[in-house]
Amino acid sequence: MALAATMRPLVSLALPEKGAARLATQLLLAIAGTLLL
């Protein structure tokens, strides 16, 4: 949980500004984070 919170700002900086691509990447990260737990 804390790891996801720390990574999110870094990830949002690295992500493209396009809304759809950004949303898809965040969704993918959320799913990956859930699987890791």
PDB file of N, CA and C in Angstrom:
ATOM      1  N   MET A   1       0.838  -1.194   0.000  1.00  0.00           N
ATOM      2  CA  MET A   1       0.000   0.000   0.000  1.00  0.00           C
ATOM      3  C   MET A   1       0.876   1.248   0.000  1.00  0.00           C
ATOM      4  N   ALA A   2       1.847   1.283   0.911  1.00  0.00           N
ATOM      5  CA  ALA A   2       2.746   2.441   0.987  1.00  0.00           C
ATOM      6  C   ALA A   2       3.601   2.547  -0.270  1.00  0.00           C
ATOM      7  N   LEU A   3       3.967   1.385  -0.801  1.00  0.00           N
ATOM      8  CA  LEU A   3       4.772   1.366  -2.021  1.00  0.00           C
ATOM      9  C   LEU A   3       4.009   1.991  -3.177  1.00  0.00           C
ATOM     10  N   ALA A   4       2.747   1.635  -3.312  1.00  0.00           N
ATOM     11  CA  ALA A   4       1.916   2.192  -4.376  1.00  0.00           C
ATOM     12  C   ALA A   4       1.774   3.700  -4.221  1.00  0.00           C
ATOM     13  N   ALA A   5       1.636   4.152  -2.982  1.00  0.00           N
ATOM     14  CA  ALA A   5       1.489   5.586  -2.718  1.00  0.00           C
ATOM     15  C   ALA A   5       2.772   6.338  -3.044  1.00  0.00           C
ATOM     16  N   THR A   6       3.909   5.692  -2.845  1.00  0.00           N
ATOM     17  CA  THR A   6       5.185   6.344  -3.153  1.00  0.00           C
ATOM     18  C   THR A   6       5.444   6.350  -4.641  1.00  0.00           C
ATOM     19  N   MET A   7       5.047   5.283  -5.313  1.00  0.00           N
ATOM     20  CA  MET A   7       5.314   5.161  -6.743  1.00  0.00           C
ATOM     21  C   MET A   7       4.403   6.040  -7.580  1.00  0.00           C
ATOM     22  N   ARG A   8       3.193   6.274  -7.112  1.00  0.00           N
ATOM     23  CA  ARG A   8       2.208   6.978  -7.932  1.00  0.00           C
ATOM     24  C   ARG A   8       2.674   8.346  -8.446  1.00  0.00           C
ATOM     25  N   PRO A   9       3.257   9.216  -7.587  1.00  0.00           N
ATOM     26  CA  PRO A   9       3.742  10.504  -8.112  1.00  0.00           C
ATOM     27  C   PRO A   9       4.825  10.333  -9.170  1.00  0.00           C
ATOM     28  N   LEU A  10       5.718   9.377  -8.969  1.00  0.00           N
ATOM     29  CA  LEU A  10       6.779   9.125  -9.941  1.00  0.00           C
ATOM     30  C   LEU A  10       6.199   8.629 -11.247  1.00  0.00           C
ATOM     31  N   VAL A  11       5.224   7.743 -11.138  1.00  0.00           N
ATOM     32  CA  VAL A  11       4.588   7.184 -12.322  1.00  0.00           C
ATOM     33  C   VAL A  11       3.832   8.258 -13.086  1.00  0.00           C
ATOM     34  N   SER A  12       3.128   9.123 -12.371  1.00  0.00           N
ATOM     35  CA  SER A  12       2.352  10.168 -13.033  1.00  0.00           C
ATOM     36  C   SER A  12       3.264  11.144 -13.769  1.00  0.00           C
ATOM     37  N   LEU A  13       4.489  11.295 -13.292  1.00  0.00           N
ATOM     38  CA  LEU A  13       5.455  12.138 -13.999  1.00  0.00           C
ATOM     39  C   LEU A  13       5.916  11.462 -15.284  1.00  0.00           C
ATOM     40  N   ALA A  14       6.046  10.138 -15.232  1.00  0.00           N
ATOM     41  CA  ALA A  14       6.560   9.403 -16.378  1.00  0.00           C
ATOM     42  C   ALA A  14       5.485   9.137 -17.428  1.00  0.00           C
ATOM     43  N   LEU A  15       4.225   9.165 -17.001  1.00  0.00           N
ATOM     44  CA  LEU A  15       3.139   8.843 -17.919  1.00  0.00           C
ATOM     45  C   LEU A  15       2.911   9.949 -18.932  1.00  0.00           C
ATOM     46  N   PRO A  16       2.376   9.580 -20.091  1.00  0.00           N
ATOM     47  CA  PRO A  16       1.996  10.585 -21.089  1.00  0.00           C
ATOM     48  C   PRO A  16       0.840  11.433 -20.579  1.00  0.00           C
ATOM     49  N   GLU A  17       0.691  12.614 -21.134  1.00  0.00           N
ATOM     50  CA  GLU A  17      -0.353  13.526 -20.681  1.00  0.00           C
ATOM     51  C   GLU A  17      -1.719  13.167 -21.252  1.00  0.00           C
ATOM     52  N   LYS A  18      -1.750  12.291 -22.242  1.00  0.00           N
ATOM     53  CA  LYS A  18      -3.032  11.886 -22.826  1.00  0.00           C
ATOM     54  C   LYS A  18      -3.864  11.152 -21.787  1.00  0.00           C
ATOM     55  N   GLY A  19      -5.097  11.563 -21.622  1.00  0.00           N
ATOM     56  CA  GLY A  19      -5.955  11.022 -20.575  1.00  0.00           C
ATOM     57  C   GLY A  19      -6.180   9.526 -20.677  1.00  0.00           C
ATOM     58  N   ALA A  20      -6.471   9.041 -21.885  1.00  0.00           N
ATOM     59  CA  ALA A  20      -6.817   7.630 -22.061  1.00  0.00           C
ATOM     60  C   ALA A  20      -5.629   6.727 -21.749  1.00  0.00           C
ATOM     61  N   ALA A  21      -4.474   7.068 -22.292  1.00  0.00           N
ATOM     62  CA  ALA A  21      -3.273   6.258 -22.067  1.00  0.00           C
ATOM     63  C   ALA A  21      -2.898   6.289 -20.592  1.00  0.00           C
ATOM     64  N   ARG A  22      -3.059   7.462 -19.989  1.00  0.00           N
ATOM     65  CA  ARG A  22      -2.724   7.629 -18.586  1.00  0.00           C
ATOM     66  C   ARG A  22      -3.645   6.802 -17.702  1.00  0.00           C
ATOM     67  N   LEU A  23      -4.932   6.850 -18.009  1.00  0.00           N
ATOM     68  CA  LEU A  23      -5.912   6.102 -17.235  1.00  0.00           C
ATOM     69  C   LEU A  23      -5.659   4.605 -17.358  1.00  0.00           C
ATOM     70  N   ALA A  24      -5.359   4.162 -18.574  1.00  0.00           N
ATOM     71  CA  ALA A  24      -5.097   2.745 -18.809  1.00  0.00           C
ATOM     72  C   ALA A  24      -3.873   2.281 -18.025  1.00  0.00           C
ATOM     73  N   THR A  25      -2.843   3.117 -17.996  1.00  0.00           N
ATOM     74  CA  THR A  25      -1.627   2.746 -17.278  1.00  0.00           C
ATOM     75  C   THR A  25      -1.877   2.689 -15.780  1.00  0.00           C
ATOM     76  N   GLN A  26      -2.640   3.650 -15.269  1.00  0.00           N
ATOM     77  CA  GLN A  26      -2.952   3.652 -13.837  1.00  0.00           C
ATOM     78  C   GLN A  26      -3.788   2.438 -13.463  1.00  0.00           C
ATOM     79  N   LEU A  27      -4.719   2.084 -14.345  1.00  0.00           N
ATOM     80  CA  LEU A  27      -5.556   0.918 -14.099  1.00  0.00           C
ATOM     81  C   LEU A  27      -4.702  -0.345 -14.071  1.00  0.00           C
ATOM     82  N   LEU A  28      -3.784  -0.436 -15.023  1.00  0.00           N
ATOM     83  CA  LEU A  28      -2.882  -1.580 -15.095  1.00  0.00           C
ATOM     84  C   LEU A  28      -2.021  -1.671 -13.834  1.00  0.00           C
ATOM     85  N   LEU A  29      -1.530  -0.518 -13.377  1.00  0.00           N
ATOM     86  CA  LEU A  29      -0.722  -0.492 -12.161  1.00  0.00           C
ATOM     87  C   LEU A  29      -1.533  -0.888 -10.941  1.00  0.00           C
ATOM     88  N   ALA A  30      -2.790  -0.465 -10.907  1.00  0.00           N
ATOM     89  CA  ALA A  30      -3.655  -0.807  -9.781  1.00  0.00           C
ATOM     90  C   ALA A  30      -3.884  -2.314  -9.732  1.00  0.00           C
ATOM     91  N   ILE A  31      -4.108  -2.910 -10.898  1.00  0.00           N
ATOM     92  CA  ILE A  31      -4.316  -4.360 -10.979  1.00  0.00           C
ATOM     93  C   ILE A  31      -3.036  -5.096 -10.588  1.00  0.00           C
ATOM     94  N   ALA A  32      -1.903  -4.616 -11.093  1.00  0.00           N
ATOM     95  CA  ALA A  32      -0.620  -5.246 -10.774  1.00  0.00           C
ATOM     96  C   ALA A  32      -0.339  -5.156  -9.274  1.00  0.00           C
ATOM     97  N   GLY A  33      -0.644  -4.013  -8.682  1.00  0.00           N
ATOM     98  CA  GLY A  33      -0.438  -3.829  -7.255  1.00  0.00           C
ATOM     99  C   GLY A  33      -1.308  -4.758  -6.429  1.00  0.00           C
ATOM    100  N   THR A  34      -2.538  -4.958  -6.897  1.00  0.00           N
ATOM    101  CA  THR A  34      -3.450  -5.851  -6.189  1.00  0.00           C
ATOM    102  C   THR A  34      -2.956  -7.294  -6.261  1.00  0.00           C
ATOM    103  N   LEU A  35      -2.422  -7.673  -7.415  1.00  0.00           N
ATOM    104  CA  LEU A  35      -1.914  -9.029  -7.583  1.00  0.00           C
ATOM    105  C   LEU A  35      -0.680  -9.272  -6.716  1.00  0.00           C
ATOM    106  N   LEU A  36       0.107  -8.225  -6.514  1.00  0.00           N
ATOM    107  CA  LEU A  36       1.320  -8.365  -5.706  1.00  0.00           C
ATOM    108  C   LEU A  36       1.012  -8.556  -4.234  1.00  0.00           C
ATOM    109  N   LEU A  37      -0.106  -8.032  -3.777  1.00  0.00           N
ATOM    110  CA  LEU A  37      -0.440  -8.127  -2.355  1.00  0.00           C
ATOM    111  C   LEU A  37      -0.852  -9.540  -1.972  1.00  0.00           C
TER     112      LEU A  37
END
